[in-house]
Amino acid sequence: MRGGAALIILTPILVPAISAVGIDPVHFGIVMVLNLTIAGLTPPLGTLMFITCGITGVSISDFTKALLPFLAMIVAVLLLLTYLPFLSLALPNLIFGVQ
C-alpha cells in the first residue's frame, strides 16, 4: 500500500485509539509518516525504491546496498522520536505556547 493511501485509510481508524490511550496526535502523526517513509524505501513493497530503480536504471541490490547507511540513520531517528516524544513536540509547543 502506498504511503498516501495508508495515511488516508489508517489515520481515521487509529486517531481515536491513540487519543484514548493518551498519545499526542501530533507525535503520532510524525511517527506514522516516518514509518511510512521507511516502508516506501525498503523491500518487499518499497514503491519508492522500485520507482527510483526504474527511472535511474540501478539494480535493486545496488540501491539497497547504498540505502543501508541512510536507513540506519532513519531508523535511529525513528527510535529517538518514538521514545522521546518531546523531540517531536518541542517546535509545535514553542510555536503554539502549549506546555
C-alpha atoms as a PDB file:
ATOM      1  CA  MET A   1       0.000   0.000   0.000  1.00  0.00           C
ATOM      2  CA  ARG A   2       1.340   3.435  -0.867  1.00  0.00           C
ATOM      3  CA  GLY A   3       2.027   5.961   1.874  1.00  0.00           C
ATOM      4  CA  GLY A   4      -0.706   8.400   0.917  1.00  0.00           C
ATOM      5  CA  ALA A   5      -3.334   5.678   0.795  1.00  0.00           C
ATOM      6  CA  ALA A   6      -2.163   4.283   4.111  1.00  0.00           C
ATOM      7  CA  LEU A   7      -2.442   7.721   5.718  1.00  0.00           C
ATOM      8  CA  ILE A   8      -5.966   8.232   4.400  1.00  0.00           C
ATOM      9  CA  ILE A   9      -7.132   4.777   5.473  1.00  0.00           C
ATOM     10  CA  LEU A  10      -5.311   4.323   8.792  1.00  0.00           C
ATOM     11  CA  THR A  11      -5.495   7.816  10.319  1.00  0.00           C
ATOM     12  CA  PRO A  12      -9.265   7.884  10.993  1.00  0.00           C
ATOM     13  CA  ILE A  13      -9.047   4.380  12.427  1.00  0.00           C
ATOM     14  CA  LEU A  14      -6.028   4.930  14.680  1.00  0.00           C
ATOM     15  CA  VAL A  15      -6.508   8.514  15.956  1.00  0.00           C
ATOM     16  CA  PRO A  16      -9.422   7.677  18.304  1.00  0.00           C
ATOM     17  CA  ALA A  17      -7.420   4.767  19.702  1.00  0.00           C
ATOM     18  CA  ILE A  18      -4.265   6.814  20.319  1.00  0.00           C
ATOM     19  CA  SER A  19      -6.298   9.650  21.827  1.00  0.00           C
ATOM     20  CA  ALA A  20      -7.942   7.210  24.238  1.00  0.00           C
ATOM     21  CA  VAL A  21      -4.529   5.928  25.301  1.00  0.00           C
ATOM     22  CA  GLY A  22      -3.201   9.470  25.808  1.00  0.00           C
ATOM     23  CA  ILE A  23      -0.717   9.774  22.943  1.00  0.00           C
ATOM     24  CA  ASP A  24      -0.375  13.216  21.385  1.00  0.00           C
ATOM     25  CA  PRO A  25      -1.858  13.231  17.847  1.00  0.00           C
ATOM     26  CA  VAL A  26       0.993  15.410  16.504  1.00  0.00           C
ATOM     27  CA  HIS A  27       3.588  12.979  17.858  1.00  0.00           C
ATOM     28  CA  PHE A  28       1.645  10.038  16.432  1.00  0.00           C
ATOM     29  CA  GLY A  29       1.433  11.734  13.020  1.00  0.00           C
ATOM     30  CA  ILE A  30       5.174  12.353  12.872  1.00  0.00           C
ATOM     31  CA  VAL A  31       5.992   8.765  13.866  1.00  0.00           C
ATOM     32  CA  MET A  32       3.426   7.380  11.410  1.00  0.00           C
ATOM     33  CA  VAL A  33       4.760   9.405   8.468  1.00  0.00           C
ATOM     34  CA  LEU A  34       8.333   8.387   9.279  1.00  0.00           C
ATOM     35  CA  ASN A  35       7.286   4.726   9.445  1.00  0.00           C
ATOM     36  CA  LEU A  36       5.524   5.002   6.087  1.00  0.00           C
ATOM     37  CA  THR A  37       8.629   6.609   4.591  1.00  0.00           C
ATOM     38  CA  ILE A  38      10.743   3.673   5.758  1.00  0.00           C
ATOM     39  CA  ALA A  39       8.142   1.282   4.327  1.00  0.00           C
ATOM     40  CA  GLY A  40       8.329   3.023   0.957  1.00  0.00           C
ATOM     41  CA  LEU A  41      12.098   2.704   0.799  1.00  0.00           C
ATOM     42  CA  THR A  42      12.580  -0.928   1.772  1.00  0.00           C
ATOM     43  CA  PRO A  43      11.753  -4.236   0.103  1.00  0.00           C
ATOM     44  CA  PRO A  44       9.488  -6.140  -0.445  1.00  0.00           C
ATOM     45  CA  LEU A  45       6.851  -3.453  -1.040  1.00  0.00           C
ATOM     46  CA  GLY A  46       9.055  -0.386  -1.400  1.00  0.00           C
ATOM     47  CA  THR A  47       7.247   1.618  -4.054  1.00  0.00           C
ATOM     48  CA  LEU A  48       9.742   4.483  -3.803  1.00  0.00           C
ATOM     49  CA  MET A  49      12.571   2.010  -4.257  1.00  0.00           C
ATOM     50  CA  PHE A  50      11.022   0.440  -7.365  1.00  0.00           C
ATOM     51  CA  ILE A  51      10.237   3.824  -8.924  1.00  0.00           C
ATOM     52  CA  THR A  52      13.755   5.126  -8.263  1.00  0.00           C
ATOM     53  CA  CYS A  53      15.384   1.976  -9.620  1.00  0.00           C
ATOM     54  CA  GLY A  54      13.172   2.077 -12.701  1.00  0.00           C
ATOM     55  CA  ILE A  55      13.951   5.707 -13.501  1.00  0.00           C
ATOM     56  CA  THR A  56      17.688   5.551 -12.826  1.00  0.00           C
ATOM     57  CA  GLY A  57      18.319   2.047 -14.155  1.00  0.00           C
ATOM     58  CA  VAL A  58      20.069   0.987 -10.939  1.00  0.00           C
ATOM     59  CA  SER A  59      19.553  -2.584  -9.792  1.00  0.00           C
ATOM     60  CA  ILE A  60      17.550  -3.172  -6.625  1.00  0.00           C
ATOM     61  CA  SER A  61      20.509  -4.856  -4.913  1.00  0.00           C
ATOM     62  CA  ASP A  62      22.795  -1.881  -5.631  1.00  0.00           C
ATOM     63  CA  PHE A  63      20.103   0.529  -4.423  1.00  0.00           C
ATOM     64  CA  THR A  64      19.613  -1.471  -1.225  1.00  0.00           C
ATOM     65  CA  LYS A  65      23.358  -1.541  -0.511  1.00  0.00           C
ATOM     66  CA  ALA A  66      23.586   2.228  -0.969  1.00  0.00           C
ATOM     67  CA  LEU A  67      20.467   2.748   1.148  1.00  0.00           C
ATOM     68  CA  LEU A  68      21.702   0.872   4.237  1.00  0.00           C
ATOM     69  CA  PRO A  69      23.608   3.758   5.924  1.00  0.00           C
ATOM     70  CA  PHE A  70      20.696   6.125   5.339  1.00  0.00           C
ATOM     71  CA  LEU A  71      18.215   3.527   6.506  1.00  0.00           C
ATOM     72  CA  ALA A  72      20.183   3.019   9.719  1.00  0.00           C
ATOM     73  CA  MET A  73      20.059   6.760  10.347  1.00  0.00           C
ATOM     74  CA  ILE A  74      16.318   6.966   9.637  1.00  0.00           C
ATOM     75  CA  VAL A  75      15.607   4.059  11.980  1.00  0.00           C
ATOM     76  CA  ALA A  76      17.735   5.715  14.700  1.00  0.00           C
ATOM     77  CA  VAL A  77      15.724   8.939  14.291  1.00  0.00           C
ATOM     78  CA  LEU A  78      12.508   6.921  14.397  1.00  0.00           C
ATOM     79  CA  LEU A  79      13.559   5.287  17.663  1.00  0.00           C
ATOM     80  CA  LEU A  80      14.520   8.649  19.157  1.00  0.00           C
ATOM     81  CA  LEU A  81      11.230  10.269  18.161  1.00  0.00           C
ATOM     82  CA  THR A  82       9.184   7.284  19.302  1.00  0.00           C
ATOM     83  CA  TYR A  83      10.701   7.004  22.767  1.00  0.00           C
ATOM     84  CA  LEU A  84      11.445  10.697  23.357  1.00  0.00           C
ATOM     85  CA  PRO A  85       8.235  12.453  22.275  1.00  0.00           C
ATOM     86  CA  PHE A  86       9.417  15.868  23.479  1.00  0.00           C
ATOM     87  CA  LEU A  87      11.803  15.917  20.498  1.00  0.00           C
ATOM     88  CA  SER A  88       8.950  15.902  18.016  1.00  0.00           C
ATOM     89  CA  LEU A  89       6.719  18.152  20.125  1.00  0.00           C
ATOM     90  CA  ALA A  90       9.258  20.846  21.036  1.00  0.00           C
ATOM     91  CA  LEU A  91       8.691  23.044  17.975  1.00  0.00           C
ATOM     92  CA  PRO A  92       4.860  22.846  17.973  1.00  0.00           C
ATOM     93  CA  ASN A  93       4.825  23.563  21.707  1.00  0.00           C
ATOM     94  CA  LEU A  94       7.171  26.523  21.191  1.00  0.00           C
ATOM     95  CA  ILE A  95       5.106  27.978  18.348  1.00  0.00           C
ATOM     96  CA  PHE A  96       1.692  27.488  19.900  1.00  0.00           C
ATOM     97  CA  GLY A  97       2.752  28.052  23.515  1.00  0.00           C
ATOM     98  CA  VAL A  98       1.458  24.729  24.811  1.00  0.00           C
ATOM     99  CA  GLN A  99       3.080  23.482  27.978  1.00  0.00           C
END
